[in-house]
């Protein structure tokens, strides 16, 4: 049976975002296939803001977590297997969960996943600083086509 951690992560992520809070992940950066900016790792761990406004192309699947974010103004591609996540919580009130070692058991298919090393991306779409809605330019017009 596969690990339930990816499904628990998705549930807590959706719950935190649905309540207009900021989801953070605590990640064990010392595990294999964890690609994060190492200059921000402290005591073998890194805390990542994974809110929709802080990262782009966020994908959470049983294979892992993948997204792009800026650290120190530089864009990075972040990836990690789900078992590398130690906790998920809301920044504002600490609501969330900590995963026990049993929750983080690595199933054998996850160990063989073909993740590749990620380096600092040079040509990358800029991460939007704010998600401001686009204002319409004047009144809409309709034309009759015969």
C-alpha atoms as a PDB file:
ATOM      1  CA  UNK A   1       0.000   0.000   0.000  1.00  0.00           C
ATOM      2  CA  UNK A   2       1.311   3.463  -0.849  1.00  0.00           C
ATOM      3  CA  UNK A   3       1.964   6.161   1.720  1.00  0.00           C
ATOM      4  CA  UNK A   4      -0.948   8.391   2.698  1.00  0.00           C
ATOM      5  CA  UNK A   5       1.329  11.384   3.298  1.00  0.00           C
ATOM      6  CA  UNK A   6       0.844  12.969  -0.174  1.00  0.00           C
ATOM      7  CA  UNK A   7      -2.920  12.865   0.345  1.00  0.00           C
ATOM      8  CA  UNK A   8      -2.653  14.315   3.854  1.00  0.00           C
ATOM      9  CA  UNK A   9      -0.378  17.071   2.541  1.00  0.00           C
ATOM     10  CA  UNK A  10      -2.898  17.935  -0.192  1.00  0.00           C
ATOM     11  CA  UNK A  11      -5.779  17.984   2.307  1.00  0.00           C
ATOM     12  CA  UNK A  12      -3.962  20.250   4.780  1.00  0.00           C
ATOM     13  CA  UNK A  13      -2.676  22.504   1.976  1.00  0.00           C
ATOM     14  CA  UNK A  14      -6.191  22.969   0.557  1.00  0.00           C
ATOM     15  CA  UNK A  15      -7.668  23.527   4.038  1.00  0.00           C
ATOM     16  CA  UNK A  16      -5.080  26.192   4.905  1.00  0.00           C
ATOM     17  CA  UNK A  17      -5.459  28.011   1.559  1.00  0.00           C
ATOM     18  CA  UNK A  18      -9.284  27.796   1.689  1.00  0.00           C
ATOM     19  CA  UNK A  19      -9.160  29.601   5.045  1.00  0.00           C
ATOM     20  CA  UNK A  20      -7.063  32.439   3.548  1.00  0.00           C
ATOM     21  CA  UNK A  21      -3.978  31.478   5.549  1.00  0.00           C
ATOM     22  CA  UNK A  22      -0.368  30.991   4.426  1.00  0.00           C
ATOM     23  CA  UNK A  23       0.810  27.358   4.137  1.00  0.00           C
ATOM     24  CA  UNK A  24       4.397  26.601   5.151  1.00  0.00           C
ATOM     25  CA  UNK A  25       6.281  23.319   4.740  1.00  0.00           C
ATOM     26  CA  UNK A  26       9.107  22.192   7.014  1.00  0.00           C
ATOM     27  CA  UNK A  27      11.400  20.052   4.849  1.00  0.00           C
ATOM     28  CA  UNK A  28      14.305  17.755   5.731  1.00  0.00           C
ATOM     29  CA  UNK A  29      16.880  19.099   3.273  1.00  0.00           C
ATOM     30  CA  UNK A  30      19.389  16.339   4.046  1.00  0.00           C
ATOM     31  CA  UNK A  31      17.386  13.612   2.292  1.00  0.00           C
ATOM     32  CA  UNK A  32      18.183  12.511  -1.269  1.00  0.00           C
ATOM     33  CA  UNK A  33      16.212  14.088  -4.128  1.00  0.00           C
ATOM     34  CA  UNK A  34      15.468  17.253  -2.106  1.00  0.00           C
ATOM     35  CA  UNK A  35      16.394  20.225  -4.276  1.00  0.00           C
ATOM     36  CA  UNK A  36      16.144  23.509  -2.388  1.00  0.00           C
ATOM     37  CA  UNK A  37      18.491  26.519  -2.165  1.00  0.00           C
ATOM     38  CA  UNK A  38      21.034  25.170   0.341  1.00  0.00           C
ATOM     39  CA  UNK A  39      22.137  28.634   1.487  1.00  0.00           C
ATOM     40  CA  UNK A  40      18.755  28.966   3.248  1.00  0.00           C
ATOM     41  CA  UNK A  41      18.922  25.591   5.040  1.00  0.00           C
ATOM     42  CA  UNK A  42      19.355  25.750   8.828  1.00  0.00           C
ATOM     43  CA  UNK A  43      20.050  22.663  10.954  1.00  0.00           C
ATOM     44  CA  UNK A  44      19.295  20.428   7.976  1.00  0.00           C
ATOM     45  CA  UNK A  45      15.804  21.892   7.543  1.00  0.00           C
ATOM     46  CA  UNK A  46      14.190  24.605   5.476  1.00  0.00           C
ATOM     47  CA  UNK A  47      10.801  26.274   5.873  1.00  0.00           C
ATOM     48  CA  UNK A  48       9.085  27.002   2.560  1.00  0.00           C
ATOM     49  CA  UNK A  49       6.179  29.371   1.983  1.00  0.00           C
ATOM     50  CA  UNK A  50       4.029  27.506  -0.544  1.00  0.00           C
ATOM     51  CA  UNK A  51       1.136  29.957  -0.760  1.00  0.00           C
ATOM     52  CA  UNK A  52      -0.251  30.580  -4.254  1.00  0.00           C
ATOM     53  CA  UNK A  53       1.180  34.120  -4.186  1.00  0.00           C
ATOM     54  CA  UNK A  54       4.694  32.950  -3.208  1.00  0.00           C
ATOM     55  CA  UNK A  55       5.246  30.183  -5.746  1.00  0.00           C
ATOM     56  CA  UNK A  56       4.250  29.323  -9.287  1.00  0.00           C
ATOM     57  CA  UNK A  57       3.456  26.025 -10.982  1.00  0.00           C
ATOM     58  CA  UNK A  58       2.849  24.349  -7.619  1.00  0.00           C
ATOM     59  CA  UNK A  59       2.259  20.618  -8.068  1.00  0.00           C
ATOM     60  CA  UNK A  60       1.702  18.141  -5.259  1.00  0.00           C
ATOM     61  CA  UNK A  61       1.418  14.509  -6.313  1.00  0.00           C
ATOM     62  CA  UNK A  62       2.342  11.104  -4.899  1.00  0.00           C
ATOM     63  CA  UNK A  63       5.621  11.491  -6.832  1.00  0.00           C
ATOM     64  CA  UNK A  64       6.604  14.661  -4.981  1.00  0.00           C
ATOM     65  CA  UNK A  65       6.202  18.400  -4.621  1.00  0.00           C
ATOM     66  CA  UNK A  66       7.381  20.686  -7.411  1.00  0.00           C
ATOM     67  CA  UNK A  67       7.207  24.477  -7.797  1.00  0.00           C
ATOM     68  CA  UNK A  68       9.163  27.614  -8.645  1.00  0.00           C
ATOM     69  CA  UNK A  69       9.902  30.384  -6.166  1.00  0.00           C
ATOM     70  CA  UNK A  70      12.269  33.266  -5.537  1.00  0.00           C
ATOM     71  CA  UNK A  71      14.877  33.278  -2.804  1.00  0.00           C
ATOM     72  CA  UNK A  72      16.915  36.433  -2.352  1.00  0.00           C
ATOM     73  CA  UNK A  73      15.467  37.719  -5.624  1.00  0.00           C
ATOM     74  CA  UNK A  74      16.711  34.732  -7.648  1.00  0.00           C
ATOM     75  CA  UNK A  75      14.279  32.220  -9.194  1.00  0.00           C
ATOM     76  CA  UNK A  76      14.695  28.556  -8.228  1.00  0.00           C
ATOM     77  CA  UNK A  77      12.976  25.342  -9.178  1.00  0.00           C
ATOM     78  CA  UNK A  78      12.153  23.431  -5.999  1.00  0.00           C
ATOM     79  CA  UNK A  79      11.429  19.714  -5.854  1.00  0.00           C
ATOM     80  CA  UNK A  80      11.270  17.079  -3.152  1.00  0.00           C
ATOM     81  CA  UNK A  81       9.688  13.711  -2.460  1.00  0.00           C
ATOM     82  CA  UNK A  82       6.666  13.913  -0.161  1.00  0.00           C
ATOM     83  CA  UNK A  83       8.413  11.912   2.566  1.00  0.00           C
ATOM     84  CA  UNK A  84      10.898  14.811   2.983  1.00  0.00           C
ATOM     85  CA  UNK A  85       8.125  17.017   4.433  1.00  0.00           C
ATOM     86  CA  UNK A  86       8.281  17.005   8.223  1.00  0.00           C
ATOM     87  CA  UNK A  87       5.289  19.315   8.796  1.00  0.00           C
ATOM     88  CA  UNK A  88       2.737  21.580   7.140  1.00  0.00           C
ATOM     89  CA  UNK A  89       1.218  24.500   9.034  1.00  0.00           C
ATOM     90  CA  UNK A  90      -0.440  27.901   8.672  1.00  0.00           C
ATOM     91  CA  UNK A  91       1.954  30.771   9.401  1.00  0.00           C
ATOM     92  CA  UNK A  92      -0.709  32.912  11.051  1.00  0.00           C
ATOM     93  CA  UNK A  93      -1.905  30.483  13.739  1.00  0.00           C
ATOM     94  CA  UNK A  94       0.269  27.345  13.545  1.00  0.00           C
ATOM     95  CA  UNK A  95      -2.663  25.087  12.586  1.00  0.00           C
ATOM     96  CA  UNK A  96      -1.483  22.033  10.686  1.00  0.00           C
ATOM     97  CA  UNK A  97       0.226  18.720  11.341  1.00  0.00           C
ATOM     98  CA  UNK A  98       3.606  17.126  11.961  1.00  0.00           C
ATOM     99  CA  UNK A  99       4.361  13.873  10.176  1.00  0.00           C
ATOM    100  CA  UNK A 100       5.762  11.009  12.235  1.00  0.00           C
ATOM    101  CA  UNK A 101       8.454   8.688  10.865  1.00  0.00           C
ATOM    102  CA  UNK A 102       5.733   6.088  10.189  1.00  0.00           C
ATOM    103  CA  UNK A 103       3.850   8.643   8.063  1.00  0.00           C
ATOM    104  CA  UNK A 104       7.054   9.353   6.171  1.00  0.00           C
ATOM    105  CA  UNK A 105       7.897   5.761   5.312  1.00  0.00           C
ATOM    106  CA  UNK A 106       9.376   5.599   1.863  1.00  0.00           C
ATOM    107  CA  UNK A 107       7.627   3.146  -0.365  1.00  0.00           C
ATOM    108  CA  UNK A 108      10.003   1.336  -2.701  1.00  0.00           C
ATOM    109  CA  UNK A 109       8.619   2.889  -5.871  1.00  0.00           C
ATOM    110  CA  UNK A 110       9.309   6.372  -4.465  1.00  0.00           C
ATOM    111  CA  UNK A 111      12.978   5.510  -3.915  1.00  0.00           C
ATOM    112  CA  UNK A 112      13.390   4.723  -7.595  1.00  0.00           C
ATOM    113  CA  UNK A 113      11.738   7.892  -8.904  1.00  0.00           C
ATOM    114  CA  UNK A 114      13.870   9.560 -11.563  1.00  0.00           C
ATOM    115  CA  UNK A 115      14.327  13.040 -10.089  1.00  0.00           C
ATOM    116  CA  UNK A 116      17.141  15.097 -11.521  1.00  0.00           C
ATOM    117  CA  UNK A 117      19.324  17.761  -9.957  1.00  0.00           C
ATOM    118  CA  UNK A 118      17.961  21.280 -10.204  1.00  0.00           C
ATOM    119  CA  UNK A 119      20.131  24.333 -10.501  1.00  0.00           C
ATOM    120  CA  UNK A 120      19.505  28.040 -10.386  1.00  0.00           C
ATOM    121  CA  UNK A 121      17.387  28.918 -13.415  1.00  0.00           C
ATOM    122  CA  UNK A 122      18.699  31.747 -15.515  1.00  0.00           C
ATOM    123  CA  UNK A 123      16.036  32.237 -18.145  1.00  0.00           C
ATOM    124  CA  UNK A 124      12.782  32.033 -16.307  1.00  0.00           C
ATOM    125  CA  UNK A 125       9.484  33.800 -16.405  1.00  0.00           C
ATOM    126  CA  UNK A 126       9.379  36.368 -13.631  1.00  0.00           C
ATOM    127  CA  UNK A 127       7.353  35.320 -10.623  1.00  0.00           C
ATOM    128  CA  UNK A 128       4.379  37.689 -10.332  1.00  0.00           C
ATOM    129  CA  UNK A 129       4.836  39.935  -7.311  1.00  0.00           C
ATOM    130  CA  UNK A 130       1.110  40.443  -6.807  1.00  0.00           C
ATOM    131  CA  UNK A 131      -1.977  38.881  -8.260  1.00  0.00           C
ATOM    132  CA  UNK A 132      -3.826  42.068  -9.168  1.00  0.00           C
ATOM    133  CA  UNK A 133      -6.912  41.504 -11.300  1.00  0.00           C
ATOM    134  CA  UNK A 134      -6.716  42.965 -14.784  1.00  0.00           C
ATOM    135  CA  UNK A 135      -9.053  45.932 -15.108  1.00  0.00           C
ATOM    136  CA  UNK A 136     -11.193  46.077 -18.250  1.00  0.00           C
ATOM    137  CA  UNK A 137     -10.364  48.891 -20.684  1.00  0.00           C
ATOM    138  CA  UNK A 138     -13.661  50.725 -21.012  1.00  0.00           C
ATOM    139  CA  UNK A 139     -17.099  49.353 -21.723  1.00  0.00           C
ATOM    140  CA  UNK A 140     -17.464  46.111 -23.643  1.00  0.00           C
ATOM    141  CA  UNK A 141     -18.781  46.440 -27.179  1.00  0.00           C
ATOM    142  CA  UNK A 142     -20.627  43.927 -29.277  1.00  0.00           C
ATOM    143  CA  UNK A 143     -20.967  43.937 -33.033  1.00  0.00           C
ATOM    144  CA  UNK A 144     -23.548  42.105 -35.079  1.00  0.00           C
ATOM    145  CA  UNK A 145     -22.040  39.743 -37.620  1.00  0.00           C
ATOM    146  CA  UNK A 146     -24.369  38.697 -40.464  1.00  0.00           C
END
